[in-house]
Amino acid sequence: MTLVITGSGLTIENVVEVARNGKKVALHPDALSRIKKCRSMLERKIDAHEIMYGVNTGIGEFSEVVLNDDQVKDFQKYLIYVCFLIIQILLESSSLPLV
């Protein structure tokens, strides 16, 4: 049976089923709609050069640094890479198989 992500009700047990047992995952259409709506809002704010922490600014001690359009694209890409790297390191240091 597939785990349907709705935006609420996700449990640690659900995550374990996916990570350790390979349970399939799907997004509920309502959740996907909310994701698209949020992305659209973020894109409008970025296009309007509205300053948003961690989106078009640095984070932590660099939160006062406003990024230009090219830097925003790179910064967001690097955030994804860092998250993936952290997950990979955690998985490699445990008995979990890499997903």
C-alpha atoms as a PDB file:
ATOM      1  CA  MET A   1       0.000   0.000   0.000  1.00  0.00           C
ATOM      2  CA  THR A   2       1.279   3.487  -0.879  1.00  0.00           C
ATOM      3  CA  LEU A   3       1.794   6.186   1.737  1.00  0.00           C
ATOM      4  CA  VAL A   4      -0.156   9.239   0.592  1.00  0.00           C
ATOM      5  CA  ILE A   5       1.331  12.543   1.784  1.00  0.00           C
ATOM      6  CA  THR A   6      -1.476  14.964   2.612  1.00  0.00           C
ATOM      7  CA  GLY A   7       0.365  17.646   4.563  1.00  0.00           C
ATOM      8  CA  SER A   8      -0.697  16.385   7.966  1.00  0.00           C
ATOM      9  CA  GLY A   9      -0.640  13.205   9.974  1.00  0.00           C
ATOM     10  CA  LEU A  10       2.828  11.991   8.926  1.00  0.00           C
ATOM     11  CA  THR A  11       4.348   9.877  11.687  1.00  0.00           C
ATOM     12  CA  ILE A  12       7.828   8.637  12.497  1.00  0.00           C
ATOM     13  CA  GLU A  13       6.520   5.149  11.783  1.00  0.00           C
ATOM     14  CA  ASN A  14       5.514   6.297   8.268  1.00  0.00           C
ATOM     15  CA  VAL A  15       9.015   7.659   7.650  1.00  0.00           C
ATOM     16  CA  VAL A  16      10.586   4.417   8.899  1.00  0.00           C
ATOM     17  CA  GLU A  17       8.352   2.399   6.561  1.00  0.00           C
ATOM     18  CA  VAL A  18       9.570   4.455   3.601  1.00  0.00           C
ATOM     19  CA  ALA A  19      13.248   4.660   4.607  1.00  0.00           C
ATOM     20  CA  ARG A  20      13.774   1.117   5.834  1.00  0.00           C
ATOM     21  CA  ASN A  21      11.131  -0.912   4.066  1.00  0.00           C
ATOM     22  CA  GLY A  22      10.847   0.867   0.729  1.00  0.00           C
ATOM     23  CA  LYS A  23       7.197   1.775   1.061  1.00  0.00           C
ATOM     24  CA  LYS A  24       6.014   3.755  -1.964  1.00  0.00           C
ATOM     25  CA  VAL A  25       5.054   7.426  -1.522  1.00  0.00           C
ATOM     26  CA  ALA A  26       2.599   9.619  -3.399  1.00  0.00           C
ATOM     27  CA  LEU A  27       1.433  13.200  -2.973  1.00  0.00           C
ATOM     28  CA  HIS A  28      -2.273  13.765  -2.455  1.00  0.00           C
ATOM     29  CA  PRO A  29      -3.628  16.098  -5.165  1.00  0.00           C
ATOM     30  CA  ASP A  30      -4.617  18.674  -2.518  1.00  0.00           C
ATOM     31  CA  ALA A  31      -1.063  18.677  -1.122  1.00  0.00           C
ATOM     32  CA  LEU A  32       0.385  19.097  -4.606  1.00  0.00           C
ATOM     33  CA  SER A  33      -1.994  21.989  -5.215  1.00  0.00           C
ATOM     34  CA  ARG A  34      -0.834  23.697  -2.006  1.00  0.00           C
ATOM     35  CA  ILE A  35       2.819  23.175  -2.984  1.00  0.00           C
ATOM     36  CA  LYS A  36       2.207  24.750  -6.392  1.00  0.00           C
ATOM     37  CA  LYS A  37       0.341  27.668  -4.800  1.00  0.00           C
ATOM     38  CA  CYS A  38       3.214  28.274  -2.359  1.00  0.00           C
ATOM     39  CA  ARG A  39       5.806  28.053  -5.123  1.00  0.00           C
ATOM     40  CA  SER A  40       3.847  30.558  -7.193  1.00  0.00           C
ATOM     41  CA  MET A  41       3.704  32.957  -4.232  1.00  0.00           C
ATOM     42  CA  LEU A  42       7.455  32.613  -3.656  1.00  0.00           C
ATOM     43  CA  GLU A  43       8.210  33.209  -7.332  1.00  0.00           C
ATOM     44  CA  ARG A  44       6.051  36.367  -7.322  1.00  0.00           C
ATOM     45  CA  LYS A  45       7.837  37.676  -4.231  1.00  0.00           C
ATOM     46  CA  ILE A  46      11.251  36.868  -5.716  1.00  0.00           C
ATOM     47  CA  ASP A  47      10.312  38.609  -8.982  1.00  0.00           C
ATOM     48  CA  ALA A  48       9.199  41.639  -6.936  1.00  0.00           C
ATOM     49  CA  HIS A  49      12.565  41.565  -5.102  1.00  0.00           C
ATOM     50  CA  GLU A  50      10.804  41.207  -1.758  1.00  0.00           C
ATOM     51  CA  ILE A  51      13.379  40.224   0.854  1.00  0.00           C
ATOM     52  CA  MET A  52      12.698  36.832   2.452  1.00  0.00           C
ATOM     53  CA  TYR A  53      15.045  35.236   4.964  1.00  0.00           C
ATOM     54  CA  GLY A  54      16.734  32.151   3.567  1.00  0.00           C
ATOM     55  CA  VAL A  55      15.144  32.562   0.148  1.00  0.00           C
ATOM     56  CA  ASN A  56      16.933  35.590  -1.249  1.00  0.00           C
ATOM     57  CA  THR A  57      19.126  36.353   1.746  1.00  0.00           C
ATOM     58  CA  GLY A  58      21.860  34.377   3.377  1.00  0.00           C
ATOM     59  CA  ILE A  59      21.114  32.517   6.594  1.00  0.00           C
ATOM     60  CA  GLY A  60      22.509  32.848  10.092  1.00  0.00           C
ATOM     61  CA  GLU A  61      25.215  35.473  10.269  1.00  0.00           C
ATOM     62  CA  PHE A  62      24.679  36.201   6.558  1.00  0.00           C
ATOM     63  CA  SER A  63      20.973  36.978   6.944  1.00  0.00           C
ATOM     64  CA  GLU A  64      21.595  40.640   6.166  1.00  0.00           C
ATOM     65  CA  VAL A  65      23.173  39.754   2.818  1.00  0.00           C
ATOM     66  CA  VAL A  66      20.637  40.157   0.004  1.00  0.00           C
ATOM     67  CA  LEU A  67      21.367  37.894  -2.956  1.00  0.00           C
ATOM     68  CA  ASN A  68      21.023  38.846  -6.608  1.00  0.00           C
ATOM     69  CA  ASP A  69      18.933  36.716  -8.994  1.00  0.00           C
ATOM     70  CA  ASP A  70      21.807  34.441 -10.022  1.00  0.00           C
ATOM     71  CA  GLN A  71      22.907  34.007  -6.423  1.00  0.00           C
ATOM     72  CA  VAL A  72      19.338  33.062  -5.377  1.00  0.00           C
ATOM     73  CA  LYS A  73      19.297  30.215  -7.900  1.00  0.00           C
ATOM     74  CA  ASP A  74      22.696  28.951  -6.791  1.00  0.00           C
ATOM     75  CA  PHE A  75      21.924  29.371  -3.078  1.00  0.00           C
ATOM     76  CA  GLN A  76      18.687  27.378  -3.302  1.00  0.00           C
ATOM     77  CA  LYS A  77      20.441  24.640  -5.284  1.00  0.00           C
ATOM     78  CA  TYR A  78      23.244  24.471  -2.704  1.00  0.00           C
ATOM     79  CA  LEU A  79      20.734  24.251   0.153  1.00  0.00           C
ATOM     80  CA  ILE A  80      19.276  21.143  -1.467  1.00  0.00           C
ATOM     81  CA  TYR A  81      22.775  19.686  -1.919  1.00  0.00           C
ATOM     82  CA  VAL A  82      23.639  20.317   1.724  1.00  0.00           C
ATOM     83  CA  CYS A  83      20.405  18.714   2.943  1.00  0.00           C
ATOM     84  CA  PHE A  84      21.051  15.686   0.758  1.00  0.00           C
ATOM     85  CA  LEU A  85      24.638  15.432   2.005  1.00  0.00           C
ATOM     86  CA  ILE A  86      23.547  15.567   5.641  1.00  0.00           C
ATOM     87  CA  ILE A  87      20.959  12.848   5.044  1.00  0.00           C
ATOM     88  CA  GLN A  88      23.535  10.720   3.238  1.00  0.00           C
ATOM     89  CA  ILE A  89      26.038  11.100   6.080  1.00  0.00           C
ATOM     90  CA  LEU A  90      23.395  10.173   8.648  1.00  0.00           C
ATOM     91  CA  LEU A  91      22.332   7.140   6.660  1.00  0.00           C
ATOM     92  CA  GLU A  92      25.909   5.982   6.103  1.00  0.00           C
ATOM     93  CA  SER A  93      26.641   6.258   9.818  1.00  0.00           C
ATOM     94  CA  SER A  94      23.639   4.092  10.689  1.00  0.00           C
ATOM     95  CA  SER A  95      22.571   0.622   9.724  1.00  0.00           C
ATOM     96  CA  LEU A  96      19.971   2.041   7.327  1.00  0.00           C
ATOM     97  CA  PRO A  97      20.354   1.324   3.618  1.00  0.00           C
ATOM     98  CA  LEU A  98      20.897   4.362   1.391  1.00  0.00           C
ATOM     99  CA  VAL A  99      17.653   5.303  -0.286  1.00  0.00           C
END
